[in-house]
Amino acid sequence: MIRAVLDTNIIISSVFWKGAPHEAVKRGILGEYLGVISAEIIDEVVDRLRNKFHFSEENIQELVDILLMYCHIVEVTSTFDVSEIANRTLHAST
């Protein structure tokens, strides 16, 4: 089965708009692929919905419950700084 990481931007966009992010999340819920998220992504989504968009705790919990039910949760074991890679690429091309 195909797996796709649902990042914070995709999840938040799927809540507010009916475009491609909404369709992507919907298809994951329908089982067309396996959505992959981490605790860090869930935390970031909750933070944005609570503090930036002033969602109710009930609505936040409903979304978290849906994500936990339909997505595979992975543990983040390493991270990298995207800006470091961009800087290396930029310097290598000049």
PDB file of N, CA and C in Angstrom:
ATOM      1  N   MET A   1       0.835  -1.185   0.000  1.00  0.00           N
ATOM      2  CA  MET A   1       0.000   0.000   0.000  1.00  0.00           C
ATOM      3  C   MET A   1       0.879   1.248   0.000  1.00  0.00           C
ATOM      4  N   ILE A   2       0.442   2.223  -0.719  1.00  0.00           N
ATOM      5  CA  ILE A   2       1.153   3.504  -0.773  1.00  0.00           C
ATOM      6  C   ILE A   2       1.033   4.205   0.575  1.00  0.00           C
ATOM      7  N   ARG A   3       2.131   4.821   1.000  1.00  0.00           N
ATOM      8  CA  ARG A   3       2.150   5.620   2.231  1.00  0.00           C
ATOM      9  C   ARG A   3       2.493   7.056   1.874  1.00  0.00           C
ATOM     10  N   ALA A   4       1.858   7.982   2.574  1.00  0.00           N
ATOM     11  CA  ALA A   4       2.137   9.402   2.336  1.00  0.00           C
ATOM     12  C   ALA A   4       2.136  10.138   3.664  1.00  0.00           C
ATOM     13  N   VAL A   5       3.147  10.950   3.871  1.00  0.00           N
ATOM     14  CA  VAL A   5       3.224  11.759   5.084  1.00  0.00           C
ATOM     15  C   VAL A   5       2.250  12.923   4.948  1.00  0.00           C
ATOM     16  N   LEU A   6       1.404  13.060   5.954  1.00  0.00           N
ATOM     17  CA  LEU A   6       0.491  14.204   6.021  1.00  0.00           C
ATOM     18  C   LEU A   6       1.121  15.215   6.975  1.00  0.00           C
ATOM     19  N   ASP A   7       1.677  16.274   6.416  1.00  0.00           N
ATOM     20  CA  ASP A   7       2.326  17.255   7.286  1.00  0.00           C
ATOM     21  C   ASP A   7       1.308  18.273   7.794  1.00  0.00           C
ATOM     22  N   THR A   8       1.758  19.141   8.661  1.00  0.00           N
ATOM     23  CA  THR A   8       0.875  20.126   9.289  1.00  0.00           C
ATOM     24  C   THR A   8       0.143  20.969   8.260  1.00  0.00           C
ATOM     25  N   ASN A   9       0.838  21.430   7.234  1.00  0.00           N
ATOM     26  CA  ASN A   9       0.208  22.285   6.223  1.00  0.00           C
ATOM     27  C   ASN A   9      -0.909  21.562   5.485  1.00  0.00           C
ATOM     28  N   ILE A  10      -0.692  20.307   5.144  1.00  0.00           N
ATOM     29  CA  ILE A  10      -1.718  19.528   4.444  1.00  0.00           C
ATOM     30  C   ILE A  10      -2.933  19.349   5.343  1.00  0.00           C
ATOM     31  N   ILE A  11      -2.704  18.973   6.589  1.00  0.00           N
ATOM     32  CA  ILE A  11      -3.816  18.730   7.515  1.00  0.00           C
ATOM     33  C   ILE A  11      -4.608  20.006   7.760  1.00  0.00           C
ATOM     34  N   ILE A  12      -3.924  21.102   8.062  1.00  0.00           N
ATOM     35  CA  ILE A  12      -4.613  22.374   8.320  1.00  0.00           C
ATOM     36  C   ILE A  12      -5.375  22.826   7.074  1.00  0.00           C
ATOM     37  N   SER A  13      -4.746  22.752   5.913  1.00  0.00           N
ATOM     38  CA  SER A  13      -5.421  23.154   4.666  1.00  0.00           C
ATOM     39  C   SER A  13      -6.645  22.299   4.400  1.00  0.00           C
ATOM     40  N   SER A  14      -6.568  21.019   4.736  1.00  0.00           N
ATOM     41  CA  SER A  14      -7.712  20.128   4.486  1.00  0.00           C
ATOM     42  C   SER A  14      -8.908  20.495   5.353  1.00  0.00           C
ATOM     43  N   VAL A  15      -8.657  21.133   6.485  1.00  0.00           N
ATOM     44  CA  VAL A  15      -9.741  21.541   7.381  1.00  0.00           C
ATOM     45  C   VAL A  15     -10.473  22.764   6.818  1.00  0.00           C
ATOM     46  N   PHE A  16      -9.738  23.681   6.196  1.00  0.00           N
ATOM     47  CA  PHE A  16     -10.320  24.957   5.787  1.00  0.00           C
ATOM     48  C   PHE A  16     -10.743  25.046   4.332  1.00  0.00           C
ATOM     49  N   TRP A  17     -10.112  24.279   3.447  1.00  0.00           N
ATOM     50  CA  TRP A  17     -10.388  24.408   2.025  1.00  0.00           C
ATOM     51  C   TRP A  17     -10.682  23.048   1.406  1.00  0.00           C
ATOM     52  N   LYS A  18     -11.391  23.048   0.297  1.00  0.00           N
ATOM     53  CA  LYS A  18     -11.805  21.806  -0.367  1.00  0.00           C
ATOM     54  C   LYS A  18     -10.909  21.442  -1.548  1.00  0.00           C
ATOM     55  N   GLY A  19      -9.696  21.932  -1.584  1.00  0.00           N
ATOM     56  CA  GLY A  19      -8.789  21.675  -2.698  1.00  0.00           C
ATOM     57  C   GLY A  19      -8.044  20.364  -2.566  1.00  0.00           C
ATOM     58  N   ALA A  20      -6.849  20.334  -3.156  1.00  0.00           N
ATOM     59  CA  ALA A  20      -6.026  19.121  -3.198  1.00  0.00           C
ATOM     60  C   ALA A  20      -5.686  18.572  -1.805  1.00  0.00           C
ATOM     61  N   PRO A  21      -5.322  19.407  -0.834  1.00  0.00           N
ATOM     62  CA  PRO A  21      -5.050  18.853   0.494  1.00  0.00           C
ATOM     63  C   PRO A  21      -6.268  18.138   1.102  1.00  0.00           C
ATOM     64  N   HIS A  22      -7.444  18.712   0.935  1.00  0.00           N
ATOM     65  CA  HIS A  22      -8.660  18.082   1.446  1.00  0.00           C
ATOM     66  C   HIS A  22      -8.879  16.724   0.783  1.00  0.00           C
ATOM     67  N   GLU A  23      -8.705  16.688  -0.519  1.00  0.00           N
ATOM     68  CA  GLU A  23      -8.866  15.421  -1.253  1.00  0.00           C
ATOM     69  C   GLU A  23      -7.825  14.400  -0.818  1.00  0.00           C
ATOM     70  N   ALA A  24      -6.611  14.847  -0.582  1.00  0.00           N
ATOM     71  CA  ALA A  24      -5.548  13.922  -0.168  1.00  0.00           C
ATOM     72  C   ALA A  24      -5.876  13.292   1.176  1.00  0.00           C
ATOM     73  N   VAL A  25      -6.297  14.108   2.137  1.00  0.00           N
ATOM     74  CA  VAL A  25      -6.636  13.581   3.458  1.00  0.00           C
ATOM     75  C   VAL A  25      -7.861  12.684   3.356  1.00  0.00           C
ATOM     76  N   LYS A  26      -8.856  13.094   2.602  1.00  0.00           N
ATOM     77  CA  LYS A  26     -10.074  12.299   2.431  1.00  0.00           C
ATOM     78  C   LYS A  26      -9.752  10.925   1.844  1.00  0.00           C
ATOM     79  N   ARG A  27      -8.896  10.888   0.840  1.00  0.00           N
ATOM     80  CA  ARG A  27      -8.538   9.604   0.217  1.00  0.00           C
ATOM     81  C   ARG A  27      -7.780   8.700   1.177  1.00  0.00           C
ATOM     82  N   GLY A  28      -6.992   9.293   2.049  1.00  0.00           N
ATOM     83  CA  GLY A  28      -6.319   8.496   3.074  1.00  0.00           C
ATOM     84  C   GLY A  28      -7.323   7.891   4.040  1.00  0.00           C
ATOM     85  N   ILE A  29      -8.303   8.688   4.447  1.00  0.00           N
ATOM     86  CA  ILE A  29      -9.341   8.197   5.356  1.00  0.00           C
ATOM     87  C   ILE A  29     -10.158   7.091   4.686  1.00  0.00           C
ATOM     88  N   LEU A  30     -10.373   7.213   3.385  1.00  0.00           N
ATOM     89  CA  LEU A  30     -11.123   6.194   2.652  1.00  0.00           C
ATOM     90  C   LEU A  30     -10.302   4.939   2.371  1.00  0.00           C
ATOM     91  N   GLY A  31      -9.027   4.959   2.729  1.00  0.00           N
ATOM     92  CA  GLY A  31      -8.190   3.778   2.583  1.00  0.00           C
ATOM     93  C   GLY A  31      -7.501   3.620   1.244  1.00  0.00           C
ATOM     94  N   GLU A  32      -7.470   4.677   0.438  1.00  0.00           N
ATOM     95  CA  GLU A  32      -6.788   4.601  -0.851  1.00  0.00           C
ATOM     96  C   GLU A  32      -5.269   4.592  -0.689  1.00  0.00           C
ATOM     97  N   TYR A  33      -4.781   5.050   0.426  1.00  0.00           N
ATOM     98  CA  TYR A  33      -3.372   4.985   0.787  1.00  0.00           C
ATOM     99  C   TYR A  33      -3.295   5.072   2.305  1.00  0.00           C
ATOM    100  N   LEU A  34      -2.125   4.863   2.859  1.00  0.00           N
ATOM    101  CA  LEU A  34      -1.936   4.945   4.303  1.00  0.00           C
ATOM    102  C   LEU A  34      -1.315   6.292   4.648  1.00  0.00           C
ATOM    103  N   GLY A  35      -2.040   7.120   5.385  1.00  0.00           N
ATOM    104  CA  GLY A  35      -1.503   8.386   5.851  1.00  0.00           C
ATOM    105  C   GLY A  35      -0.528   8.137   6.987  1.00  0.00           C
ATOM    106  N   VAL A  36       0.576   8.840   6.968  1.00  0.00           N
ATOM    107  CA  VAL A  36       1.617   8.685   7.981  1.00  0.00           C
ATOM    108  C   VAL A  36       1.810  10.020   8.679  1.00  0.00           C
ATOM    109  N   ILE A  37       1.760   9.996  10.018  1.00  0.00           N
ATOM    110  CA  ILE A  37       1.974  11.199  10.817  1.00  0.00           C
ATOM    111  C   ILE A  37       2.833  10.832  12.019  1.00  0.00           C
ATOM    112  N   SER A  38       3.286  11.840  12.722  1.00  0.00           N
ATOM    113  CA  SER A  38       4.067  11.630  13.948  1.00  0.00           C
ATOM    114  C   SER A  38       3.421  12.413  15.087  1.00  0.00           C
ATOM    115  N   ALA A  39       3.840  12.119  16.290  1.00  0.00           N
ATOM    116  CA  ALA A  39       3.355  12.868  17.453  1.00  0.00           C
ATOM    117  C   ALA A  39       3.701  14.346  17.303  1.00  0.00           C
ATOM    118  N   GLU A  40       4.858  14.627  16.714  1.00  0.00           N
ATOM    119  CA  GLU A  40       5.276  16.018  16.517  1.00  0.00           C
ATOM    120  C   GLU A  40       4.327  16.745  15.564  1.00  0.00           C
ATOM    121  N   ILE A  41       3.888  16.063  14.514  1.00  0.00           N
ATOM    122  CA  ILE A  41       2.938  16.672  13.578  1.00  0.00           C
ATOM    123  C   ILE A  41       1.609  16.928  14.280  1.00  0.00           C
ATOM    124  N   ILE A  42       1.129  15.947  15.037  1.00  0.00           N
ATOM    125  CA  ILE A  42      -0.127  16.137  15.769  1.00  0.00           C
ATOM    126  C   ILE A  42      -0.009  17.324  16.723  1.00  0.00           C
ATOM    127  N   ASP A  43       1.092  17.398  17.452  1.00  0.00           N
ATOM    128  CA  ASP A  43       1.296  18.518  18.386  1.00  0.00           C
ATOM    129  C   ASP A  43       1.273  19.860  17.661  1.00  0.00           C
ATOM    130  N   GLU A  44       1.916  19.919  16.506  1.00  0.00           N
ATOM    131  CA  GLU A  44       1.965  21.164  15.748  1.00  0.00           C
ATOM    132  C   GLU A  44       0.580  21.539  15.215  1.00  0.00           C
ATOM    133  N   VAL A  45      -0.174  20.553  14.723  1.00  0.00           N
ATOM    134  CA  VAL A  45      -1.535  20.810  14.249  1.00  0.00           C
ATOM    135  C   VAL A  45      -2.395  21.350  15.393  1.00  0.00           C
ATOM    136  N   VAL A  46      -2.337  20.689  16.545  1.00  0.00           N
ATOM    137  CA  VAL A  46      -3.115  21.118  17.707  1.00  0.00           C
ATOM    138  C   VAL A  46      -2.738  22.545  18.098  1.00  0.00           C
ATOM    139  N   ASP A  47      -1.452  22.833  18.135  1.00  0.00           N
ATOM    140  CA  ASP A  47      -0.989  24.174  18.494  1.00  0.00           C
ATOM    141  C   ASP A  47      -1.530  25.219  17.527  1.00  0.00           C
ATOM    142  N   ARG A  48      -1.443  24.950  16.219  1.00  0.00           N
ATOM    143  CA  ARG A  48      -1.918  25.919  15.215  1.00  0.00           C
ATOM    144  C   ARG A  48      -3.436  26.119  15.311  1.00  0.00           C
ATOM    145  N   LEU A  49      -4.173  25.009  15.437  1.00  0.00           N
ATOM    146  CA  LEU A  49      -5.630  25.132  15.510  1.00  0.00           C
ATOM    147  C   LEU A  49      -6.063  25.876  16.767  1.00  0.00           C
ATOM    148  N   ARG A  50      -5.377  25.638  17.856  1.00  0.00           N
ATOM    149  CA  ARG A  50      -5.735  26.275  19.132  1.00  0.00           C
ATOM    150  C   ARG A  50      -5.332  27.755  19.146  1.00  0.00           C
ATOM    151  N   ASN A  51      -4.102  28.035  18.793  1.00  0.00           N
ATOM    152  CA  ASN A  51      -3.558  29.382  19.001  1.00  0.00           C
ATOM    153  C   ASN A  51      -3.710  30.327  17.813  1.00  0.00           C
ATOM    154  N   LYS A  52      -3.645  29.795  16.612  1.00  0.00           N
ATOM    155  CA  LYS A  52      -3.761  30.665  15.439  1.00  0.00           C
ATOM    156  C   LYS A  52      -5.207  30.770  14.956  1.00  0.00           C
ATOM    157  N   PHE A  53      -5.924  29.637  14.990  1.00  0.00           N
ATOM    158  CA  PHE A  53      -7.281  29.618  14.439  1.00  0.00           C
ATOM    159  C   PHE A  53      -8.371  29.573  15.511  1.00  0.00           C
ATOM    160  N   HIS A  54      -7.984  29.488  16.778  1.00  0.00           N
ATOM    161  CA  HIS A  54      -8.919  29.537  17.905  1.00  0.00           C
ATOM    162  C   HIS A  54     -10.031  28.491  17.813  1.00  0.00           C
ATOM    163  N   PHE A  55      -9.634  27.276  17.402  1.00  0.00           N
ATOM    164  CA  PHE A  55     -10.578  26.159  17.361  1.00  0.00           C
ATOM    165  C   PHE A  55     -10.953  25.755  18.776  1.00  0.00           C
ATOM    166  N   SER A  56     -12.154  25.231  18.936  1.00  0.00           N
ATOM    167  CA  SER A  56     -12.573  24.725  20.241  1.00  0.00           C
ATOM    168  C   SER A  56     -11.815  23.434  20.543  1.00  0.00           C
ATOM    169  N   GLU A  57     -11.646  23.143  21.811  1.00  0.00           N
ATOM    170  CA  GLU A  57     -10.967  21.911  22.215  1.00  0.00           C
ATOM    171  C   GLU A  57     -11.722  20.687  21.691  1.00  0.00           C
ATOM    172  N   GLU A  58     -13.045  20.768  21.650  1.00  0.00           N
ATOM    173  CA  GLU A  58     -13.857  19.656  21.143  1.00  0.00           C
ATOM    174  C   GLU A  58     -13.553  19.372  19.676  1.00  0.00           C
ATOM    175  N   ASN A  59     -13.478  20.430  18.865  1.00  0.00           N
ATOM    176  CA  ASN A  59     -13.174  20.250  17.435  1.00  0.00           C
ATOM    177  C   ASN A  59     -11.745  19.763  17.218  1.00  0.00           C
ATOM    178  N   ILE A  60     -10.826  20.253  18.023  1.00  0.00           N
ATOM    179  CA  ILE A  60      -9.439  19.796  17.933  1.00  0.00           C
ATOM    180  C   ILE A  60      -9.374  18.308  18.256  1.00  0.00           C
ATOM    181  N   GLN A  61     -10.013  17.902  19.335  1.00  0.00           N
ATOM    182  CA  GLN A  61      -9.988  16.498  19.733  1.00  0.00           C
ATOM    183  C   GLN A  61     -10.630  15.609  18.673  1.00  0.00           C
ATOM    184  N   GLU A  62     -11.694  16.087  18.048  1.00  0.00           N
ATOM    185  CA  GLU A  62     -12.353  15.320  16.982  1.00  0.00           C
ATOM    186  C   GLU A  62     -11.383  15.065  15.825  1.00  0.00           C
ATOM    187  N   LEU A  63     -10.647  16.098  15.424  1.00  0.00           N
ATOM    188  CA  LEU A  63      -9.674  15.935  14.346  1.00  0.00           C
ATOM    189  C   LEU A  63      -8.551  14.986  14.759  1.00  0.00           C
ATOM    190  N   VAL A  64      -8.034  15.149  15.962  1.00  0.00           N
ATOM    191  CA  VAL A  64      -6.964  14.267  16.453  1.00  0.00           C
ATOM    192  C   VAL A  64      -7.452  12.822  16.467  1.00  0.00           C
ATOM    193  N   ASP A  65      -8.674  12.595  16.929  1.00  0.00           N
ATOM    194  CA  ASP A  65      -9.221  11.240  16.953  1.00  0.00           C
ATOM    195  C   ASP A  65      -9.293  10.633  15.555  1.00  0.00           C
ATOM    196  N   ILE A  66      -9.691  11.440  14.573  1.00  0.00           N
ATOM    197  CA  ILE A  66      -9.755  10.964  13.183  1.00  0.00           C
ATOM    198  C   ILE A  66      -8.361  10.614  12.690  1.00  0.00           C
ATOM    199  N   LEU A  67      -7.396  11.481  12.944  1.00  0.00           N
ATOM    200  CA  LEU A  67      -6.026  11.211  12.507  1.00  0.00           C
ATOM    201  C   LEU A  67      -5.483   9.940  13.158  1.00  0.00           C
ATOM    202  N   LEU A  68      -5.722   9.779  14.446  1.00  0.00           N
ATOM    203  CA  LEU A  68      -5.221   8.596  15.147  1.00  0.00           C
ATOM    204  C   LEU A  68      -5.896   7.323  14.644  1.00  0.00           C
ATOM    205  N   MET A  69      -7.145   7.429  14.231  1.00  0.00           N
ATOM    206  CA  MET A  69      -7.878   6.261  13.763  1.00  0.00           C
ATOM    207  C   MET A  69      -7.438   5.821  12.365  1.00  0.00           C
ATOM    208  N   TYR A  70      -7.150   6.779  11.485  1.00  0.00           N
ATOM    209  CA  TYR A  70      -6.921   6.453  10.086  1.00  0.00           C
ATOM    210  C   TYR A  70      -5.469   6.577   9.622  1.00  0.00           C
ATOM    211  N   CYS A  71      -4.588   7.053  10.455  1.00  0.00           N
ATOM    212  CA  CYS A  71      -3.197   7.242  10.043  1.00  0.00           C
ATOM    213  C   CYS A  71      -2.265   6.325  10.839  1.00  0.00           C
ATOM    214  N   HIS A  72      -1.147   6.038  10.228  1.00  0.00           N
ATOM    215  CA  HIS A  72      -0.084   5.283  10.901  1.00  0.00           C
ATOM    216  C   HIS A  72       0.804   6.302  11.610  1.00  0.00           C
ATOM    217  N   ILE A  73       1.040   6.075  12.897  1.00  0.00           N
ATOM    218  CA  ILE A  73       1.883   6.978  13.677  1.00  0.00           C
ATOM    219  C   ILE A  73       3.311   6.447  13.666  1.00  0.00           C
ATOM    220  N   VAL A  74       4.247   7.296  13.291  1.00  0.00           N
ATOM    221  CA  VAL A  74       5.656   6.902  13.283  1.00  0.00           C
ATOM    222  C   VAL A  74       6.416   7.706  14.320  1.00  0.00           C
ATOM    223  N   GLU A  75       7.494   7.128  14.799  1.00  0.00           N
ATOM    224  CA  GLU A  75       8.376   7.818  15.730  1.00  0.00           C
ATOM    225  C   GLU A  75       9.488   8.486  14.932  1.00  0.00           C
ATOM    226  N   VAL A  76       9.694   9.755  15.179  1.00  0.00           N
ATOM    227  CA  VAL A  76      10.766  10.483  14.512  1.00  0.00           C
ATOM    228  C   VAL A  76      12.067  10.138  15.230  1.00  0.00           C
ATOM    229  N   THR A  77      12.999   9.551  14.487  1.00  0.00           N
ATOM    230  CA  THR A  77      14.264   9.142  15.094  1.00  0.00           C
ATOM    231  C   THR A  77      15.418  10.054  14.728  1.00  0.00           C
ATOM    232  N   SER A  78      15.243  10.849  13.681  1.00  0.00           N
ATOM    233  CA  SER A  78      16.278  11.816  13.326  1.00  0.00           C
ATOM    234  C   SER A  78      15.629  12.971  12.575  1.00  0.00           C
ATOM    235  N   THR A  79      16.286  14.092  12.600  1.00  0.00           N
ATOM    236  CA  THR A  79      15.802  15.271  11.892  1.00  0.00           C
ATOM    237  C   THR A  79      16.967  15.906  11.144  1.00  0.00           C
ATOM    238  N   PHE A  80      16.644  16.789  10.232  1.00  0.00           N
ATOM    239  CA  PHE A  80      17.679  17.555   9.549  1.00  0.00           C
ATOM    240  C   PHE A  80      17.133  18.942   9.269  1.00  0.00           C
ATOM    241  N   ASP A  81      18.035  19.862   9.088  1.00  0.00           N
ATOM    242  CA  ASP A  81      17.684  21.245   8.832  1.00  0.00           C
ATOM    243  C   ASP A  81      17.663  21.464   7.323  1.00  0.00           C
ATOM    244  N   VAL A  82      16.484  21.704   6.782  1.00  0.00           N
ATOM    245  CA  VAL A  82      16.329  21.875   5.344  1.00  0.00           C
ATOM    246  C   VAL A  82      17.154  23.045   4.835  1.00  0.00           C
ATOM    247  N   SER A  83      17.297  24.087   5.632  1.00  0.00           N
ATOM    248  CA  SER A  83      18.060  25.256   5.183  1.00  0.00           C
ATOM    249  C   SER A  83      19.523  24.904   4.958  1.00  0.00           C
ATOM    250  N   GLU A  84      20.066  23.955   5.724  1.00  0.00           N
ATOM    251  CA  GLU A  84      21.448  23.521   5.494  1.00  0.00           C
ATOM    252  C   GLU A  84      21.598  22.876   4.125  1.00  0.00           C
ATOM    253  N   ILE A  85      20.640  22.049   3.749  1.00  0.00           N
ATOM    254  CA  ILE A  85      20.683  21.383   2.454  1.00  0.00           C
ATOM    255  C   ILE A  85      20.523  22.428   1.339  1.00  0.00           C
ATOM    256  N   ALA A  86      19.607  23.373   1.516  1.00  0.00           N
ATOM    257  CA  ALA A  86      19.407  24.421   0.520  1.00  0.00           C
ATOM    258  C   ALA A  86      20.669  25.254   0.353  1.00  0.00           C
ATOM    259  N   ASN A  87      21.334  25.583   1.453  1.00  0.00           N
ATOM    260  CA  ASN A  87      22.566  26.372   1.378  1.00  0.00           C
ATOM    261  C   ASN A  87      23.663  25.603   0.669  1.00  0.00           C
ATOM    262  N   ARG A  88      23.779  24.296   0.969  1.00  0.00           N
ATOM    263  CA  ARG A  88      24.800  23.482   0.278  1.00  0.00           C
ATOM    264  C   ARG A  88      24.546  23.415  -1.202  1.00  0.00           C
ATOM    265  N   THR A  89      23.262  23.252  -1.568  1.00  0.00           N
ATOM    266  CA  THR A  89      22.886  23.185  -2.981  1.00  0.00           C
ATOM    267  C   THR A  89      23.191  24.501  -3.666  1.00  0.00           C
ATOM    268  N   LEU A  90      22.870  25.609  -3.017  1.00  0.00           N
ATOM    269  CA  LEU A  90      23.101  26.919  -3.566  1.00  0.00           C
ATOM    270  C   LEU A  90      24.592  27.160  -3.778  1.00  0.00           C
ATOM    271  N   HIS A  91      25.414  26.805  -2.802  1.00  0.00           N
ATOM    272  CA  HIS A  91      26.864  27.010  -2.926  1.00  0.00           C
ATOM    273  C   HIS A  91      27.470  26.074  -3.971  1.00  0.00           C
ATOM    274  N   ALA A  92      26.955  24.896  -4.097  1.00  0.00           N
ATOM    275  CA  ALA A  92      27.481  23.932  -5.069  1.00  0.00           C
ATOM    276  C   ALA A  92      27.167  24.359  -6.493  1.00  0.00           C
ATOM    277  N   SER A  93      26.063  25.077  -6.683  1.00  0.00           N
ATOM    278  CA  SER A  93      25.667  25.462  -8.039  1.00  0.00           C
ATOM    279  C   SER A  93      26.318  26.768  -8.498  1.00  0.00           C
ATOM    280  N   THR A  94      27.019  27.462  -7.597  1.00  0.00           N
ATOM    281  CA  THR A  94      27.636  28.739  -7.997  1.00  0.00           C
ATOM    282  C   THR A  94      29.104  28.563  -8.306  1.00  0.00           C
TER     283      THR A  94
END
